[in-house]
Structure formats: structure tokens, C-alpha cells
Amino acid sequence: MLSLNINNPTVENFYKQECNNDESKFINSIMHYIETYNIKQSVKRGIEEVKLQNSGQLEKRELKHILDEL
């Protein structure tokens, strides 16, 4: 059994109100948030990379990185 010690009022309110003090529901909600955040960050990085490719900046970055390694 997992024991939670929450020291953040916002998180504590979420745990009590949204998850009805259910640890399993709370953990699932947090995991869903993390997965969603990671997906959003991956998409954001992908879009930024496409923009860099379209402007020719990505190749310049890669070349600079290669030169820095030398």
C-alpha cells in the first residue's frame, strides 16, 4: 500500500476533491498528466524541428554541433 504525504494545498485539494481521497485514482491522474505533458513536449519539439528544417537552421545547428565535437 502506498502512503501519500501531500504538502501542497493545490495538490491536496485535487486529491480530496477530484480523486475523492482515492490513491489509485490520484496516481492514475498524475500518470495521465505526465504522459500527456510528455506527448505535448514531443509534438512541440517536432514542430520546432520542422520549422528549423524549413528555414535551413537545423542543418546549421547540426554542423555547429559536429564542429564543436571536433
C-alpha atoms as a PDB file:
ATOM      1  CA  MET A   1       0.000   0.000   0.000  1.00  0.00           C
ATOM      2  CA  LEU A   2       1.258   3.416  -0.928  1.00  0.00           C
ATOM      3  CA  SER A   3       1.220   6.161   1.645  1.00  0.00           C
ATOM      4  CA  LEU A   4       0.885   9.732   0.435  1.00  0.00           C
ATOM      5  CA  ASN A   5       2.177  12.769   2.258  1.00  0.00           C
ATOM      6  CA  ILE A   6       0.970  15.862   0.414  1.00  0.00           C
ATOM      7  CA  ASN A   7       2.431  19.208   1.425  1.00  0.00           C
ATOM      8  CA  ASN A   8       0.966  21.296  -1.381  1.00  0.00           C
ATOM      9  CA  PRO A   9      -2.528  22.786  -0.843  1.00  0.00           C
ATOM     10  CA  THR A  10      -3.379  22.729  -4.562  1.00  0.00           C
ATOM     11  CA  VAL A  11      -2.392  19.077  -4.923  1.00  0.00           C
ATOM     12  CA  GLU A  12      -4.135  18.217  -1.664  1.00  0.00           C
ATOM     13  CA  ASN A  13      -7.373  19.835  -2.880  1.00  0.00           C
ATOM     14  CA  PHE A  14      -7.101  17.937  -6.178  1.00  0.00           C
ATOM     15  CA  TYR A  15      -6.560  14.696  -4.249  1.00  0.00           C
ATOM     16  CA  LYS A  16      -9.538  15.323  -1.983  1.00  0.00           C
ATOM     17  CA  GLN A  17     -12.000  16.856  -4.435  1.00  0.00           C
ATOM     18  CA  GLU A  18     -11.198  15.365  -7.837  1.00  0.00           C
ATOM     19  CA  CYS A  19      -9.920  11.970  -6.703  1.00  0.00           C
ATOM     20  CA  ASN A  20     -12.151  11.567  -3.641  1.00  0.00           C
ATOM     21  CA  ASN A  21      -9.133  10.629  -1.474  1.00  0.00           C
ATOM     22  CA  ASP A  22      -8.550   7.605  -3.710  1.00  0.00           C
ATOM     23  CA  GLU A  23      -4.796   6.964  -4.022  1.00  0.00           C
ATOM     24  CA  SER A  24      -5.204   4.796  -7.110  1.00  0.00           C
ATOM     25  CA  LYS A  25      -7.294   7.418  -8.908  1.00  0.00           C
ATOM     26  CA  PHE A  26      -4.803  10.113  -7.848  1.00  0.00           C
ATOM     27  CA  ILE A  27      -1.815   8.157  -9.185  1.00  0.00           C
ATOM     28  CA  ASN A  28      -3.628   7.382 -12.441  1.00  0.00           C
ATOM     29  CA  SER A  29      -4.485  11.072 -12.846  1.00  0.00           C
ATOM     30  CA  ILE A  30      -0.878  12.110 -12.231  1.00  0.00           C
ATOM     31  CA  MET A  31       0.432   9.461 -14.654  1.00  0.00           C
ATOM     32  CA  HIS A  32      -2.068  10.607 -17.298  1.00  0.00           C
ATOM     33  CA  TYR A  33      -0.940  14.212 -16.798  1.00  0.00           C
ATOM     34  CA  ILE A  34       2.742  13.215 -17.155  1.00  0.00           C
ATOM     35  CA  GLU A  35       2.058  11.163 -20.302  1.00  0.00           C
ATOM     36  CA  THR A  36       0.007  13.998 -21.827  1.00  0.00           C
ATOM     37  CA  TYR A  37       2.716  16.526 -20.935  1.00  0.00           C
ATOM     38  CA  ASN A  38       5.422  14.327 -22.487  1.00  0.00           C
ATOM     39  CA  ILE A  39       3.372  13.907 -25.679  1.00  0.00           C
ATOM     40  CA  LYS A  40       2.789  17.664 -25.889  1.00  0.00           C
ATOM     41  CA  GLN A  41       6.510  18.320 -25.397  1.00  0.00           C
ATOM     42  CA  SER A  42       7.407  15.771 -28.096  1.00  0.00           C
ATOM     43  CA  VAL A  43       4.975  17.362 -30.538  1.00  0.00           C
ATOM     44  CA  LYS A  44       6.285  20.829 -29.679  1.00  0.00           C
ATOM     45  CA  ARG A  45       9.892  19.704 -30.270  1.00  0.00           C
ATOM     46  CA  GLY A  46       8.851  18.079 -33.542  1.00  0.00           C
ATOM     47  CA  ILE A  47       7.139  21.241 -34.754  1.00  0.00           C
ATOM     48  CA  GLU A  48      10.165  23.340 -33.782  1.00  0.00           C
ATOM     49  CA  GLU A  49      12.440  20.923 -35.646  1.00  0.00           C
ATOM     50  CA  VAL A  50      10.279  21.109 -38.776  1.00  0.00           C
ATOM     51  CA  LYS A  51      10.356  24.910 -38.608  1.00  0.00           C
ATOM     52  CA  LEU A  52      14.152  24.812 -38.295  1.00  0.00           C
ATOM     53  CA  GLN A  53      14.387  22.394 -41.228  1.00  0.00           C
ATOM     54  CA  ASN A  54      12.181  24.608 -43.356  1.00  0.00           C
ATOM     55  CA  SER A  55      14.327  27.645 -42.601  1.00  0.00           C
ATOM     56  CA  GLY A  56      17.624  25.789 -43.053  1.00  0.00           C
ATOM     57  CA  GLN A  57      18.591  26.411 -39.436  1.00  0.00           C
ATOM     58  CA  LEU A  58      18.591  22.736 -38.426  1.00  0.00           C
ATOM     59  CA  GLU A  59      21.439  21.874 -40.757  1.00  0.00           C
ATOM     60  CA  LYS A  60      23.435  24.825 -39.398  1.00  0.00           C
ATOM     61  CA  ARG A  61      22.842  23.609 -35.838  1.00  0.00           C
ATOM     62  CA  GLU A  62      23.887  20.058 -36.712  1.00  0.00           C
ATOM     63  CA  LEU A  63      27.023  21.312 -38.451  1.00  0.00           C
ATOM     64  CA  LYS A  64      27.885  23.516 -35.459  1.00  0.00           C
ATOM     65  CA  HIS A  65      27.378  20.538 -33.127  1.00  0.00           C
ATOM     66  CA  ILE A  66      29.679  18.363 -35.269  1.00  0.00           C
ATOM     67  CA  LEU A  67      32.322  21.094 -35.356  1.00  0.00           C
ATOM     68  CA  ASP A  68      32.056  21.570 -31.583  1.00  0.00           C
ATOM     69  CA  GLU A  69      32.698  17.852 -31.080  1.00  0.00           C
ATOM     70  CA  LEU A  70      35.872  18.063 -33.180  1.00  0.00           C
END
